[in-house]
Amino acid sequence: MKRLDILFIALVFTFLCKTASAQTTDSTQNLTNFSGSVGITTNGFSIIPSFSLNSPAFISRLSWRKKRFSFEPDIRIVPDATKGGLLFWLRYRLIEKKKFSLRLGVHPAFNLVRKTVIDNGQSRTITEWLRFAAFEVVPNYQFSKNFGASIMYLEGHGLQSFGPKFTNVLFLNTSITNIGLSENVKLHLFPSVFFLYTDGYRGDYLTLTTTLAHNKIPFSLQSTINQTIKSDVPNNLNFMWNVGVNYNFNRDLKKVN
């Protein structure tokens, strides 16, 4: 992506945020919050589940939110730090009603990948940084307390002369939460279908994330499966899965002036 393109996206995002801030606010806009989860998984999946680290990984998702703005680092990295991804989301809730919401987001991203190079006639493997810029648009509708659906459009651009150049993906997401297995044990299901386009290649996928949580314990078990429906993306794996454990936290909300 050219610098002018990045500047244009930033200006549009800023304009939308300034426009929305002039709207009448409701009580949920006056809240500040720090929340997130940290954990380990048997296979670190990317934000696009058809890509993975193919290795156990440390996962950290944090969120600092004030009013409608939030800063949300998303880090997935293998134990020896030779592969991974670091995303730094800046998000804004343009619309936030009881049932309908619309979220906008931008992020820089840094991917660590392994690459074989020739040095003095000898081949060796190094870790290389790839830089990306991306944005998202996410409308969401909450049909009931425990059932919702959303559409997520994500577009990313590589910022170097090699590696992936252009990727966009459309997610059709649903959430089925708080399925009671007992008084305190709850099951949450997040089925999704997504359509990936990357540098002229196409892939269609079905993914399901399942979370098992206890109301009185901050730890949860989580597993994701990703099944290819149809794909010509290079190095695509037909089926992937993982399982992990997360420590979850959510600081008390408080009013701000």
C-alpha atoms as a PDB file:
ATOM      1  CA  MET A   1       0.000   0.000   0.000  1.00  0.00           C
ATOM      2  CA  LYS A   2       1.318   3.451  -0.899  1.00  0.00           C
ATOM      3  CA  ARG A   3       1.807   6.056   1.823  1.00  0.00           C
ATOM      4  CA  LEU A   4      -0.932   8.161   0.240  1.00  0.00           C
ATOM      5  CA  ASP A   5      -3.381   5.243   0.561  1.00  0.00           C
ATOM      6  CA  ILE A   6      -2.526   4.764   4.235  1.00  0.00           C
ATOM      7  CA  LEU A   7      -2.950   8.490   4.876  1.00  0.00           C
ATOM      8  CA  PHE A   8      -6.309   8.456   3.099  1.00  0.00           C
ATOM      9  CA  ILE A   9      -7.609   5.558   5.252  1.00  0.00           C
ATOM     10  CA  ALA A  10      -6.397   7.313   8.403  1.00  0.00           C
ATOM     11  CA  LEU A  11      -8.101  10.576   7.418  1.00  0.00           C
ATOM     12  CA  VAL A  12     -11.401   8.807   6.615  1.00  0.00           C
ATOM     13  CA  PHE A  13     -11.297   6.934   9.926  1.00  0.00           C
ATOM     14  CA  THR A  14     -10.587  10.156  11.833  1.00  0.00           C
ATOM     15  CA  PHE A  15     -13.422  11.952  10.055  1.00  0.00           C
ATOM     16  CA  LEU A  16     -15.914   9.200  10.911  1.00  0.00           C
ATOM     17  CA  CYS A  17     -14.829   9.256  14.546  1.00  0.00           C
ATOM     18  CA  LYS A  18     -15.157  13.037  14.784  1.00  0.00           C
ATOM     19  CA  THR A  19     -18.555  12.932  13.117  1.00  0.00           C
ATOM     20  CA  ALA A  20     -19.836  10.236  15.435  1.00  0.00           C
ATOM     21  CA  SER A  21     -18.534  12.004  18.543  1.00  0.00           C
ATOM     22  CA  ALA A  22     -20.926  14.867  17.806  1.00  0.00           C
ATOM     23  CA  GLN A  23     -23.907  12.535  18.172  1.00  0.00           C
ATOM     24  CA  THR A  24     -25.936  12.309  21.358  1.00  0.00           C
ATOM     25  CA  THR A  25     -24.269   9.914  23.764  1.00  0.00           C
ATOM     26  CA  ASP A  26     -25.846   7.269  25.940  1.00  0.00           C
ATOM     27  CA  SER A  27     -24.752   5.928  29.326  1.00  0.00           C
ATOM     28  CA  THR A  28     -22.572   3.147  27.843  1.00  0.00           C
ATOM     29  CA  GLN A  29     -20.309   5.756  26.237  1.00  0.00           C
ATOM     30  CA  ASN A  30     -19.192   7.034  29.636  1.00  0.00           C
ATOM     31  CA  LEU A  31     -17.504   3.821  30.670  1.00  0.00           C
ATOM     32  CA  THR A  32     -13.845   2.882  30.837  1.00  0.00           C
ATOM     33  CA  ASN A  33     -12.664  -0.705  30.882  1.00  0.00           C
ATOM     34  CA  PHE A  34      -9.572  -2.892  30.852  1.00  0.00           C
ATOM     35  CA  SER A  35     -10.135  -6.512  29.883  1.00  0.00           C
ATOM     36  CA  GLY A  36      -8.632  -9.375  27.974  1.00  0.00           C
ATOM     37  CA  SER A  37      -7.260 -12.881  28.063  1.00  0.00           C
ATOM     38  CA  VAL A  38      -3.863 -14.550  28.020  1.00  0.00           C
ATOM     39  CA  GLY A  39      -3.226 -18.212  27.391  1.00  0.00           C
ATOM     40  CA  ILE A  40      -1.513 -21.003  25.535  1.00  0.00           C
ATOM     41  CA  THR A  41      -2.735 -23.119  22.631  1.00  0.00           C
ATOM     42  CA  THR A  42      -1.573 -26.228  20.802  1.00  0.00           C
ATOM     43  CA  ASN A  43      -1.635 -24.342  17.487  1.00  0.00           C
ATOM     44  CA  GLY A  44      -1.603 -20.579  17.086  1.00  0.00           C
ATOM     45  CA  PHE A  45      -4.292 -19.578  14.596  1.00  0.00           C
ATOM     46  CA  SER A  46      -4.155 -16.262  12.753  1.00  0.00           C
ATOM     47  CA  ILE A  47      -6.986 -13.740  12.913  1.00  0.00           C
ATOM     48  CA  ILE A  48      -7.891 -15.466   9.611  1.00  0.00           C
ATOM     49  CA  PRO A  49      -8.261 -19.072  10.837  1.00  0.00           C
ATOM     50  CA  SER A  50      -7.115 -20.665   7.564  1.00  0.00           C
ATOM     51  CA  PHE A  51      -3.582 -19.500   8.457  1.00  0.00           C
ATOM     52  CA  SER A  52      -1.770 -20.848  11.489  1.00  0.00           C
ATOM     53  CA  LEU A  53       1.674 -21.010  13.078  1.00  0.00           C
ATOM     54  CA  ASN A  54       1.567 -24.841  13.007  1.00  0.00           C
ATOM     55  CA  SER A  55       3.086 -24.773  16.470  1.00  0.00           C
ATOM     56  CA  PRO A  56       2.079 -24.284  20.115  1.00  0.00           C
ATOM     57  CA  ALA A  57       1.792 -20.581  20.855  1.00  0.00           C
ATOM     58  CA  PHE A  58       1.278 -17.928  23.494  1.00  0.00           C
ATOM     59  CA  ILE A  59      -1.885 -15.883  22.915  1.00  0.00           C
ATOM     60  CA  SER A  60      -2.643 -12.470  24.394  1.00  0.00           C
ATOM     61  CA  ARG A  61      -5.701 -10.340  23.602  1.00  0.00           C
ATOM     62  CA  LEU A  62      -6.031  -7.117  25.579  1.00  0.00           C
ATOM     63  CA  SER A  63      -8.429  -4.203  25.402  1.00  0.00           C
ATOM     64  CA  TRP A  64      -8.198  -0.721  26.890  1.00  0.00           C
ATOM     65  CA  ARG A  65     -11.492   1.039  26.229  1.00  0.00           C
ATOM     66  CA  LYS A  66     -12.577   4.586  27.003  1.00  0.00           C
ATOM     67  CA  LYS A  67     -16.005   5.652  25.832  1.00  0.00           C
ATOM     68  CA  ARG A  68     -16.320   4.382  22.237  1.00  0.00           C
ATOM     69  CA  PHE A  69     -12.580   4.127  21.534  1.00  0.00           C
ATOM     70  CA  SER A  70     -10.430   1.103  22.290  1.00  0.00           C
ATOM     71  CA  PHE A  71      -6.838   0.001  21.839  1.00  0.00           C
ATOM     72  CA  GLU A  72      -6.622  -3.781  21.459  1.00  0.00           C
ATOM     73  CA  PRO A  73      -3.240  -5.521  21.057  1.00  0.00           C
ATOM     74  CA  ASP A  74      -3.564  -9.059  19.697  1.00  0.00           C
ATOM     75  CA  ILE A  75      -0.371 -11.119  20.018  1.00  0.00           C
ATOM     76  CA  ARG A  76       0.186 -14.726  18.909  1.00  0.00           C
ATOM     77  CA  ILE A  77       3.756 -16.019  19.109  1.00  0.00           C
ATOM     78  CA  VAL A  78       5.592 -19.363  19.401  1.00  0.00           C
ATOM     79  CA  PRO A  79       7.702 -20.053  22.525  1.00  0.00           C
ATOM     80  CA  ASP A  80      11.071 -19.271  20.868  1.00  0.00           C
ATOM     81  CA  ALA A  81       9.670 -16.100  19.200  1.00  0.00           C
ATOM     82  CA  THR A  82      10.722 -17.250  15.708  1.00  0.00           C
ATOM     83  CA  LYS A  83       7.158 -17.108  14.320  1.00  0.00           C
ATOM     84  CA  GLY A  84       4.115 -15.094  15.250  1.00  0.00           C
ATOM     85  CA  GLY A  85       1.893 -12.131  14.674  1.00  0.00           C
ATOM     86  CA  LEU A  86       1.439  -8.811  16.459  1.00  0.00           C
ATOM     87  CA  LEU A  87      -1.649  -6.722  15.709  1.00  0.00           C
ATOM     88  CA  PHE A  88      -2.364  -3.365  17.340  1.00  0.00           C
ATOM     89  CA  TRP A  89      -6.024  -2.525  16.790  1.00  0.00           C
ATOM     90  CA  LEU A  90      -7.482   0.958  17.116  1.00  0.00           C
ATOM     91  CA  ARG A  91     -11.261   0.562  17.164  1.00  0.00           C
ATOM     92  CA  TYR A  92     -14.231   2.894  17.301  1.00  0.00           C
ATOM     93  CA  ARG A  93     -17.899   1.993  17.905  1.00  0.00           C
ATOM     94  CA  LEU A  94     -19.655   4.262  15.448  1.00  0.00           C
ATOM     95  CA  ILE A  95     -23.102   2.956  16.448  1.00  0.00           C
ATOM     96  CA  GLU A  96     -23.789   1.263  19.764  1.00  0.00           C
ATOM     97  CA  LYS A  97     -27.425   0.462  20.454  1.00  0.00           C
ATOM     98  CA  LYS A  98     -29.029  -2.283  22.507  1.00  0.00           C
ATOM     99  CA  LYS A  99     -29.437  -4.601  19.511  1.00  0.00           C
ATOM    100  CA  PHE A 100     -27.413  -3.067  16.679  1.00  0.00           C
ATOM    101  CA  SER A 101     -23.808  -1.902  16.634  1.00  0.00           C
ATOM    102  CA  LEU A 102     -21.278  -0.867  14.010  1.00  0.00           C
ATOM    103  CA  ARG A 103     -17.549  -1.044  14.705  1.00  0.00           C
ATOM    104  CA  LEU A 104     -14.693   0.378  12.644  1.00  0.00           C
ATOM    105  CA  GLY A 105     -11.064  -0.533  13.124  1.00  0.00           C
ATOM    106  CA  VAL A 106      -7.563  -0.056  11.745  1.00  0.00           C
ATOM    107  CA  HIS A 107      -4.302  -1.697  12.688  1.00  0.00           C
ATOM    108  CA  PRO A 108      -0.641  -2.018  11.845  1.00  0.00           C
ATOM    109  CA  ALA A 109       0.519  -5.637  11.972  1.00  0.00           C
ATOM    110  CA  PHE A 110       3.878  -7.347  12.151  1.00  0.00           C
ATOM    111  CA  ASN A 111       4.301 -10.996  11.181  1.00  0.00           C
ATOM    112  CA  LEU A 112       7.388 -13.027  12.053  1.00  0.00           C
ATOM    113  CA  VAL A 113       8.085 -15.677   9.399  1.00  0.00           C
ATOM    114  CA  ARG A 114      10.901 -18.133   8.776  1.00  0.00           C
ATOM    115  CA  LYS A 115      12.923 -17.669   5.594  1.00  0.00           C
ATOM    116  CA  THR A 116      15.865 -19.592   4.104  1.00  0.00           C
ATOM    117  CA  VAL A 117      18.705 -17.392   2.778  1.00  0.00           C
ATOM    118  CA  ILE A 118      22.107 -18.077   1.220  1.00  0.00           C
ATOM    119  CA  ASP A 119      25.018 -16.573   3.173  1.00  0.00           C
ATOM    120  CA  ASN A 120      28.565 -17.117   1.819  1.00  0.00           C
ATOM    121  CA  GLY A 121      27.374 -20.126  -0.110  1.00  0.00           C
ATOM    122  CA  GLN A 122      25.670 -21.662   2.919  1.00  0.00           C
ATOM    123  CA  SER A 123      21.909 -21.810   3.449  1.00  0.00           C
ATOM    124  CA  ARG A 124      20.490 -20.788   6.798  1.00  0.00           C
ATOM    125  CA  THR A 125      17.045 -20.026   8.180  1.00  0.00           C
ATOM    126  CA  ILE A 126      16.283 -16.623   9.632  1.00  0.00           C
ATOM    127  CA  THR A 127      13.258 -14.882  11.126  1.00  0.00           C
ATOM    128  CA  GLU A 128      11.963 -12.018   9.006  1.00  0.00           C
ATOM    129  CA  TRP A 129       9.485  -9.243   9.831  1.00  0.00           C
ATOM    130  CA  LEU A 130       6.590  -8.577   7.450  1.00  0.00           C
ATOM    131  CA  ARG A 131       4.628  -5.335   7.885  1.00  0.00           C
ATOM    132  CA  PHE A 132       0.949  -4.865   7.078  1.00  0.00           C
ATOM    133  CA  ALA A 133      -1.770  -2.225   7.395  1.00  0.00           C
ATOM    134  CA  ALA A 134      -5.421  -3.248   7.580  1.00  0.00           C
ATOM    135  CA  PHE A 135      -8.921  -2.019   8.351  1.00  0.00           C
ATOM    136  CA  GLU A 136     -12.226  -3.618   9.335  1.00  0.00           C
ATOM    137  CA  VAL A 137     -15.949  -2.834   9.205  1.00  0.00           C
ATOM    138  CA  VAL A 138     -18.152  -4.896  11.547  1.00  0.00           C
ATOM    139  CA  PRO A 139     -21.949  -4.502  11.803  1.00  0.00           C
ATOM    140  CA  ASN A 140     -23.506  -6.668  14.528  1.00  0.00           C
ATOM    141  CA  TYR A 141     -27.100  -7.478  15.459  1.00  0.00           C
ATOM    142  CA  GLN A 142     -28.038  -9.044  18.798  1.00  0.00           C
ATOM    143  CA  PHE A 143     -31.277 -10.992  18.301  1.00  0.00           C
ATOM    144  CA  SER A 144     -31.500 -11.987  21.950  1.00  0.00           C
ATOM    145  CA  LYS A 145     -29.366 -12.017  25.067  1.00  0.00           C
ATOM    146  CA  ASN A 146     -27.632 -15.226  23.992  1.00  0.00           C
ATOM    147  CA  PHE A 147     -27.761 -15.111  20.190  1.00  0.00           C
ATOM    148  CA  GLY A 148     -26.157 -12.639  17.806  1.00  0.00           C
ATOM    149  CA  ALA A 149     -24.881 -12.349  14.243  1.00  0.00           C
ATOM    150  CA  SER A 150     -22.329 -10.123  12.580  1.00  0.00           C
ATOM    151  CA  ILE A 151     -20.573  -9.461   9.292  1.00  0.00           C
ATOM    152  CA  MET A 152     -16.892  -8.606   9.306  1.00  0.00           C
ATOM    153  CA  TYR A 153     -15.067  -7.198   6.289  1.00  0.00           C
ATOM    154  CA  LEU A 154     -11.299  -7.175   6.729  1.00  0.00           C
ATOM    155  CA  GLU A 155      -8.806  -5.796   4.207  1.00  0.00           C
ATOM    156  CA  GLY A 156      -5.019  -5.922   4.561  1.00  0.00           C
ATOM    157  CA  HIS A 157      -2.090  -4.601   2.535  1.00  0.00           C
ATOM    158  CA  GLY A 158       1.527  -5.737   2.635  1.00  0.00           C
ATOM    159  CA  LEU A 159       3.983  -2.851   3.076  1.00  0.00           C
ATOM    160  CA  GLN A 160       7.116  -4.488   1.631  1.00  0.00           C
ATOM    161  CA  SER A 161       8.168  -5.431  -1.885  1.00  0.00           C
ATOM    162  CA  PHE A 162       7.890  -9.184  -1.176  1.00  0.00           C
ATOM    163  CA  GLY A 163       5.356 -11.458   0.499  1.00  0.00           C
ATOM    164  CA  PRO A 164       1.549 -11.064   0.435  1.00  0.00           C
ATOM    165  CA  LYS A 165       0.357  -7.826  -1.150  1.00  0.00           C
ATOM    166  CA  PHE A 166      -3.436  -7.699  -0.868  1.00  0.00           C
ATOM    167  CA  THR A 167      -5.850  -9.725   1.230  1.00  0.00           C
ATOM    168  CA  ASN A 168      -9.525  -9.269   1.901  1.00  0.00           C
ATOM    169  CA  VAL A 169     -11.899 -11.542   3.726  1.00  0.00           C
ATOM    170  CA  LEU A 170     -15.612 -11.522   4.489  1.00  0.00           C
ATOM    171  CA  PHE A 171     -16.788 -13.272   7.660  1.00  0.00           C
ATOM    172  CA  LEU A 172     -20.393 -14.265   8.383  1.00  0.00           C
ATOM    173  CA  ASN A 173     -20.377 -14.825  12.142  1.00  0.00           C
ATOM    174  CA  THR A 174     -22.875 -16.060  14.692  1.00  0.00           C
ATOM    175  CA  SER A 175     -22.608 -16.379  18.465  1.00  0.00           C
ATOM    176  CA  ILE A 176     -24.558 -18.724  20.723  1.00  0.00           C
ATOM    177  CA  THR A 177     -23.593 -18.010  24.311  1.00  0.00           C
ATOM    178  CA  ASN A 178     -24.355 -19.096  27.879  1.00  0.00           C
ATOM    179  CA  ILE A 179     -25.552 -22.614  27.091  1.00  0.00           C
ATOM    180  CA  GLY A 180     -26.032 -23.944  30.619  1.00  0.00           C
ATOM    181  CA  LEU A 181     -24.328 -27.280  31.282  1.00  0.00           C
ATOM    182  CA  SER A 182     -24.761 -26.791  35.024  1.00  0.00           C
ATOM    183  CA  GLU A 183     -25.449 -23.927  37.402  1.00  0.00           C
ATOM    184  CA  ASN A 184     -21.995 -22.410  36.861  1.00  0.00           C
ATOM    185  CA  VAL A 185     -20.568 -24.129  33.756  1.00  0.00           C
ATOM    186  CA  LYS A 186     -21.433 -22.451  30.452  1.00  0.00           C
ATOM    187  CA  LEU A 187     -20.730 -23.356  26.828  1.00  0.00           C
ATOM    188  CA  HIS A 188     -20.258 -20.693  24.129  1.00  0.00           C
ATOM    189  CA  LEU A 189     -20.314 -21.462  20.395  1.00  0.00           C
ATOM    190  CA  PHE A 190     -19.050 -19.162  17.629  1.00  0.00           C
ATOM    191  CA  PRO A 191     -19.725 -20.669  14.164  1.00  0.00           C
ATOM    192  CA  SER A 192     -18.502 -18.738  11.138  1.00  0.00           C
ATOM    193  CA  VAL A 193     -18.240 -19.000   7.370  1.00  0.00           C
ATOM    194  CA  PHE A 194     -15.630 -16.856   5.645  1.00  0.00           C
ATOM    195  CA  PHE A 195     -14.498 -16.095   2.114  1.00  0.00           C
ATOM    196  CA  LEU A 196     -10.825 -15.277   1.579  1.00  0.00           C
ATOM    197  CA  TYR A 197      -9.164 -13.529  -1.372  1.00  0.00           C
ATOM    198  CA  THR A 198      -5.397 -13.105  -1.305  1.00  0.00           C
ATOM    199  CA  ASP A 199      -3.225 -12.060  -4.249  1.00  0.00           C
ATOM    200  CA  GLY A 200      -5.554 -13.661  -6.806  1.00  0.00           C
ATOM    201  CA  TYR A 201      -6.257 -16.852  -4.820  1.00  0.00           C
ATOM    202  CA  ARG A 202      -9.634 -17.773  -3.312  1.00  0.00           C
ATOM    203  CA  GLY A 203     -10.670 -19.901  -0.351  1.00  0.00           C
ATOM    204  CA  ASP A 204     -14.014 -20.626   1.345  1.00  0.00           C
ATOM    205  CA  TYR A 205     -14.007 -21.973   4.890  1.00  0.00           C
ATOM    206  CA  LEU A 206     -16.131 -23.065   7.829  1.00  0.00           C
ATOM    207  CA  THR A 207     -14.799 -22.450  11.315  1.00  0.00           C
ATOM    208  CA  LEU A 208     -16.156 -23.087  14.810  1.00  0.00           C
ATOM    209  CA  THR A 209     -14.763 -21.819  18.105  1.00  0.00           C
ATOM    210  CA  THR A 210     -16.047 -23.472  21.281  1.00  0.00           C
ATOM    211  CA  THR A 211     -15.416 -22.075  24.757  1.00  0.00           C
ATOM    212  CA  LEU A 212     -16.115 -23.813  28.069  1.00  0.00           C
ATOM    213  CA  ALA A 213     -16.155 -21.467  31.063  1.00  0.00           C
ATOM    214  CA  HIS A 214     -17.037 -21.450  34.765  1.00  0.00           C
ATOM    215  CA  ASN A 215     -18.776 -18.468  36.326  1.00  0.00           C
ATOM    216  CA  LYS A 216     -16.537 -18.491  39.402  1.00  0.00           C
ATOM    217  CA  ILE A 217     -13.183 -19.384  37.798  1.00  0.00           C
ATOM    218  CA  PRO A 218     -11.212 -16.986  35.549  1.00  0.00           C
ATOM    219  CA  PHE A 219      -9.884 -19.817  33.377  1.00  0.00           C
ATOM    220  CA  SER A 220     -11.580 -21.216  30.280  1.00  0.00           C
ATOM    221  CA  LEU A 221     -10.966 -23.973  27.738  1.00  0.00           C
ATOM    222  CA  GLN A 222     -11.193 -23.042  24.082  1.00  0.00           C
ATOM    223  CA  SER A 223     -10.948 -24.983  20.847  1.00  0.00           C
ATOM    224  CA  THR A 224     -11.158 -23.885  17.206  1.00  0.00           C
ATOM    225  CA  ILE A 225     -11.610 -26.058  14.131  1.00  0.00           C
ATOM    226  CA  ASN A 226     -11.215 -24.804  10.570  1.00  0.00           C
ATOM    227  CA  GLN A 227     -12.549 -26.814   7.626  1.00  0.00           C
ATOM    228  CA  THR A 228     -11.813 -25.926   4.005  1.00  0.00           C
ATOM    229  CA  ILE A 229     -14.875 -25.888   1.764  1.00  0.00           C
ATOM    230  CA  LYS A 230     -12.967 -24.975  -1.414  1.00  0.00           C
ATOM    231  CA  SER A 231      -9.560 -23.348  -1.858  1.00  0.00           C
ATOM    232  CA  ASP A 232      -6.698 -22.793  -4.298  1.00  0.00           C
ATOM    233  CA  VAL A 233      -4.647 -20.807  -1.754  1.00  0.00           C
ATOM    234  CA  PRO A 234      -1.023 -22.086  -1.732  1.00  0.00           C
ATOM    235  CA  ASN A 235      -0.093 -24.359   1.198  1.00  0.00           C
ATOM    236  CA  ASN A 236      -3.739 -24.556   2.276  1.00  0.00           C
ATOM    237  CA  LEU A 237      -4.505 -27.243   4.859  1.00  0.00           C
ATOM    238  CA  ASN A 238      -7.851 -29.004   4.481  1.00  0.00           C
ATOM    239  CA  PHE A 239      -8.517 -29.249   8.207  1.00  0.00           C
ATOM    240  CA  MET A 240      -6.911 -27.638  11.263  1.00  0.00           C
ATOM    241  CA  TRP A 241      -7.764 -27.562  14.945  1.00  0.00           C
ATOM    242  CA  ASN A 242      -6.379 -26.457  18.265  1.00  0.00           C
ATOM    243  CA  VAL A 243      -7.182 -26.477  21.950  1.00  0.00           C
ATOM    244  CA  GLY A 244      -5.996 -24.054  24.593  1.00  0.00           C
ATOM    245  CA  VAL A 245      -6.505 -22.624  28.041  1.00  0.00           C
ATOM    246  CA  ASN A 246      -7.036 -18.918  28.761  1.00  0.00           C
ATOM    247  CA  TYR A 247      -6.944 -16.712  31.820  1.00  0.00           C
ATOM    248  CA  ASN A 248      -9.678 -14.071  31.459  1.00  0.00           C
ATOM    249  CA  PHE A 249     -10.059 -10.792  33.301  1.00  0.00           C
ATOM    250  CA  ASN A 250     -12.338  -7.774  33.201  1.00  0.00           C
ATOM    251  CA  ARG A 251     -11.782  -4.764  35.425  1.00  0.00           C
ATOM    252  CA  ASP A 252     -14.820  -3.068  36.953  1.00  0.00           C
ATOM    253  CA  LEU A 253     -16.398  -0.429  34.730  1.00  0.00           C
ATOM    254  CA  LYS A 254     -16.438   3.060  36.143  1.00  0.00           C
ATOM    255  CA  LYS A 255     -17.896   6.371  35.123  1.00  0.00           C
ATOM    256  CA  VAL A 256     -15.592   9.004  33.687  1.00  0.00           C
ATOM    257  CA  ASN A 257     -16.260  12.711  33.428  1.00  0.00           C
END
